[in-house]
Structure formats: C-alpha cells, structure tokens
Amino acid sequence: SSPLWAQHPAVARECAMQAAKDDGVFWMEMKDFTRHFDQLDVCHRSTGLDQLRLDVNEEDGCIGPCKGCCFGCCGYWCLCRGCVALCCPRRSSMETVKARGKCCCCF
C-alpha cells in the first residue's frame, strides 16, 4: 500500500482502490510498465453455453443461492447472456496477434 492513495482520494475512488490487502493487486504507471515489460500475454477463453455457471454467493450464507439464482436468471434472460452464449460462442485459439503501436485503446 502506498501513502499516495490517501493523498489522492479521487484517483483511489476512480480506480476502485479498496483498503490495503495482500492480494497481489497493484497499480503501475504505463511508462513504468513499458520500461519493464515488452510483451503482454492474454488468455482468450472459449465461451458458450457450457461456460455459463451459477454463482451461489456462499459468503452471503443461506440467502446466497437465492441471490445467485436471481442474478443468474437476470443475466441470462434480461442481459441476453444466454442468447449470446448460444448464438455467438467464441472458441479460444493459439493465434498470436501483433499489436499496432500501442496495445490498447486506452494508451
């Protein structure tokens, strides 16, 4: 954890920075990232109906499965996750894609 988060609370809020935890999450400036790394690997997972899962929200106790069912059904039917998974499945590949200059729309 850095004291800079406390000095810049608006940035911490925008980055959804939570209380300091030892969870392996860290932030790095883009110029530091590009100085230390010259390659970024992204794992492209397959998606389809077989990838839809129910989150039973175990941390919410006995209401967790009901909550998971409600959110799951809402996502499946109202947010069209079921239709997308059925009609537009993606299959992973071993294809390597070369970046054009900067690697992402936000850089």
C-alpha atoms as a PDB file:
ATOM      1  CA  SER A   1       0.000   0.000   0.000  1.00  0.00           C
ATOM      2  CA  SER A   2       1.212   3.451  -0.851  1.00  0.00           C
ATOM      3  CA  PRO A   3       0.598   6.683   1.068  1.00  0.00           C
ATOM      4  CA  LEU A   4      -0.121   8.320  -2.304  1.00  0.00           C
ATOM      5  CA  TRP A   5      -3.624   6.771  -2.324  1.00  0.00           C
ATOM      6  CA  ALA A   6      -4.501   8.800   0.782  1.00  0.00           C
ATOM      7  CA  GLN A   7      -3.048  11.938  -0.817  1.00  0.00           C
ATOM      8  CA  HIS A   8      -5.179  11.417  -3.941  1.00  0.00           C
ATOM      9  CA  PRO A   9      -8.553  10.037  -2.799  1.00  0.00           C
ATOM     10  CA  ALA A  10     -10.298  10.946  -6.081  1.00  0.00           C
ATOM     11  CA  VAL A  11      -7.860   8.756  -8.017  1.00  0.00           C
ATOM     12  CA  ALA A  12      -8.281   5.935  -5.484  1.00  0.00           C
ATOM     13  CA  ARG A  13     -12.071   6.157  -5.869  1.00  0.00           C
ATOM     14  CA  GLU A  14     -11.853   6.185  -9.675  1.00  0.00           C
ATOM     15  CA  CYS A  15      -9.592   3.108  -9.598  1.00  0.00           C
ATOM     16  CA  ALA A  16     -11.928   1.382  -7.119  1.00  0.00           C
ATOM     17  CA  MET A  17      -8.990   1.060  -4.741  1.00  0.00           C
ATOM     18  CA  GLN A  18     -10.034  -0.643  -1.532  1.00  0.00           C
ATOM     19  CA  ALA A  19      -8.290  -0.929   1.802  1.00  0.00           C
ATOM     20  CA  ALA A  20      -4.773  -2.340   1.609  1.00  0.00           C
ATOM     21  CA  LYS A  21      -4.837  -6.105   1.199  1.00  0.00           C
ATOM     22  CA  ASP A  22      -2.125  -8.600   0.435  1.00  0.00           C
ATOM     23  CA  ASP A  23      -3.983  -9.972  -2.605  1.00  0.00           C
ATOM     24  CA  GLY A  24      -1.383  -9.447  -5.326  1.00  0.00           C
ATOM     25  CA  VAL A  25      -3.212  -6.499  -6.908  1.00  0.00           C
ATOM     26  CA  PHE A  26      -1.078  -3.478  -7.677  1.00  0.00           C
ATOM     27  CA  TRP A  27      -1.090  -0.363  -9.845  1.00  0.00           C
ATOM     28  CA  MET A  28       1.736   0.736 -12.074  1.00  0.00           C
ATOM     29  CA  GLU A  29       2.201   3.750 -14.330  1.00  0.00           C
ATOM     30  CA  MET A  30       2.151   2.930 -18.032  1.00  0.00           C
ATOM     31  CA  LYS A  31       5.670   4.326 -18.534  1.00  0.00           C
ATOM     32  CA  ASP A  32       6.966   2.016 -15.766  1.00  0.00           C
ATOM     33  CA  PHE A  33       5.094  -0.912 -17.292  1.00  0.00           C
ATOM     34  CA  THR A  34       6.596  -0.354 -20.742  1.00  0.00           C
ATOM     35  CA  ARG A  35      10.061   0.080 -19.226  1.00  0.00           C
ATOM     36  CA  HIS A  36       9.892  -3.342 -17.543  1.00  0.00           C
ATOM     37  CA  PHE A  37       7.712  -5.345 -19.945  1.00  0.00           C
ATOM     38  CA  ASP A  38       7.869  -5.665 -23.717  1.00  0.00           C
ATOM     39  CA  GLN A  39       5.143  -8.286 -24.125  1.00  0.00           C
ATOM     40  CA  LEU A  40       1.680  -8.944 -22.723  1.00  0.00           C
ATOM     41  CA  ASP A  41       0.009 -12.352 -22.969  1.00  0.00           C
ATOM     42  CA  VAL A  42      -3.784 -12.582 -22.842  1.00  0.00           C
ATOM     43  CA  CYS A  43      -5.618 -15.841 -22.311  1.00  0.00           C
ATOM     44  CA  HIS A  44      -8.590 -15.925 -24.680  1.00  0.00           C
ATOM     45  CA  ARG A  45     -11.112 -18.332 -23.151  1.00  0.00           C
ATOM     46  CA  SER A  46     -13.746 -20.193 -25.028  1.00  0.00           C
ATOM     47  CA  THR A  47     -17.283 -19.075 -24.258  1.00  0.00           C
ATOM     48  CA  GLY A  48     -20.581 -20.779 -24.924  1.00  0.00           C
ATOM     49  CA  LEU A  49     -23.489 -22.377 -23.103  1.00  0.00           C
ATOM     50  CA  ASP A  50     -21.148 -24.820 -21.372  1.00  0.00           C
ATOM     51  CA  GLN A  51     -19.347 -21.865 -19.769  1.00  0.00           C
ATOM     52  CA  LEU A  52     -22.418 -20.395 -18.026  1.00  0.00           C
ATOM     53  CA  ARG A  53     -22.225 -21.047 -14.281  1.00  0.00           C
ATOM     54  CA  LEU A  54     -24.323 -20.223 -11.226  1.00  0.00           C
ATOM     55  CA  ASP A  55     -22.557 -18.190  -8.551  1.00  0.00           C
ATOM     56  CA  VAL A  56     -24.099 -19.381  -5.273  1.00  0.00           C
ATOM     57  CA  ASN A  57     -22.656 -16.421  -3.305  1.00  0.00           C
ATOM     58  CA  GLU A  58     -21.504 -18.586  -0.409  1.00  0.00           C
ATOM     59  CA  GLU A  59     -20.328 -15.527   1.523  1.00  0.00           C
ATOM     60  CA  ASP A  60     -23.993 -14.438   1.874  1.00  0.00           C
ATOM     61  CA  GLY A  61     -24.991 -17.506   3.882  1.00  0.00           C
ATOM     62  CA  CYS A  62     -28.341 -19.180   3.328  1.00  0.00           C
ATOM     63  CA  ILE A  63     -29.634 -16.348   1.100  1.00  0.00           C
ATOM     64  CA  GLY A  64     -26.656 -16.817  -1.267  1.00  0.00           C
ATOM     65  CA  PRO A  65     -28.133 -19.479  -3.570  1.00  0.00           C
ATOM     66  CA  CYS A  66     -31.380 -17.485  -3.947  1.00  0.00           C
ATOM     67  CA  LYS A  67     -29.386 -14.341  -4.708  1.00  0.00           C
ATOM     68  CA  GLY A  68     -27.235 -16.256  -7.205  1.00  0.00           C
ATOM     69  CA  CYS A  69     -30.314 -17.662  -8.921  1.00  0.00           C
ATOM     70  CA  CYS A  70     -31.933 -14.219  -9.214  1.00  0.00           C
ATOM     71  CA  PHE A  71     -28.783 -12.560 -10.577  1.00  0.00           C
ATOM     72  CA  GLY A  72     -28.072 -15.530 -12.836  1.00  0.00           C
ATOM     73  CA  CYS A  73     -31.572 -15.581 -14.338  1.00  0.00           C
ATOM     74  CA  CYS A  74     -31.499 -11.813 -14.780  1.00  0.00           C
ATOM     75  CA  GLY A  75     -28.163 -12.024 -16.599  1.00  0.00           C
ATOM     76  CA  TYR A  76     -29.271 -14.990 -18.699  1.00  0.00           C
ATOM     77  CA  TRP A  77     -32.652 -13.620 -19.769  1.00  0.00           C
ATOM     78  CA  CYS A  78     -32.587  -9.826 -19.309  1.00  0.00           C
ATOM     79  CA  LEU A  79     -28.952  -9.156 -20.228  1.00  0.00           C
ATOM     80  CA  CYS A  80     -29.061 -11.755 -23.031  1.00  0.00           C
ATOM     81  CA  ARG A  81     -26.084 -13.775 -21.770  1.00  0.00           C
ATOM     82  CA  GLY A  82     -27.922 -16.948 -22.697  1.00  0.00           C
ATOM     83  CA  CYS A  83     -28.664 -15.807 -26.251  1.00  0.00           C
ATOM     84  CA  VAL A  84     -25.116 -14.531 -26.722  1.00  0.00           C
ATOM     85  CA  ALA A  85     -23.634 -17.782 -25.400  1.00  0.00           C
ATOM     86  CA  LEU A  86     -25.920 -19.799 -27.680  1.00  0.00           C
ATOM     87  CA  CYS A  87     -25.677 -17.718 -30.855  1.00  0.00           C
ATOM     88  CA  CYS A  88     -22.211 -16.140 -30.591  1.00  0.00           C
ATOM     89  CA  PRO A  89     -19.847 -18.597 -28.903  1.00  0.00           C
ATOM     90  CA  ARG A  90     -16.121 -17.834 -29.043  1.00  0.00           C
ATOM     91  CA  ARG A  91     -13.520 -20.542 -29.284  1.00  0.00           C
ATOM     92  CA  SER A  92     -10.047 -19.992 -27.960  1.00  0.00           C
ATOM     93  CA  SER A  93      -7.088 -20.257 -30.288  1.00  0.00           C
ATOM     94  CA  MET A  94      -3.319 -20.290 -30.192  1.00  0.00           C
ATOM     95  CA  GLU A  95      -3.209 -17.347 -32.621  1.00  0.00           C
ATOM     96  CA  THR A  96      -0.716 -14.610 -31.824  1.00  0.00           C
ATOM     97  CA  VAL A  97      -1.857 -11.102 -32.635  1.00  0.00           C
ATOM     98  CA  LYS A  98       0.729  -8.387 -33.185  1.00  0.00           C
ATOM     99  CA  ALA A  99      -0.040  -5.051 -31.569  1.00  0.00           C
ATOM    100  CA  ARG A 100      -0.192  -1.952 -33.734  1.00  0.00           C
ATOM    101  CA  GLY A 101       1.910   0.582 -31.859  1.00  0.00           C
ATOM    102  CA  LYS A 102       0.145   0.844 -28.546  1.00  0.00           C
ATOM    103  CA  CYS A 103      -1.631  -2.318 -27.456  1.00  0.00           C
ATOM    104  CA  CYS A 104      -4.926  -0.964 -26.184  1.00  0.00           C
ATOM    105  CA  CYS A 105      -7.465   1.739 -26.943  1.00  0.00           C
ATOM    106  CA  CYS A 106      -6.738   3.446 -23.615  1.00  0.00           C
ATOM    107  CA  PHE A 107      -3.000   4.006 -24.271  1.00  0.00           C
END
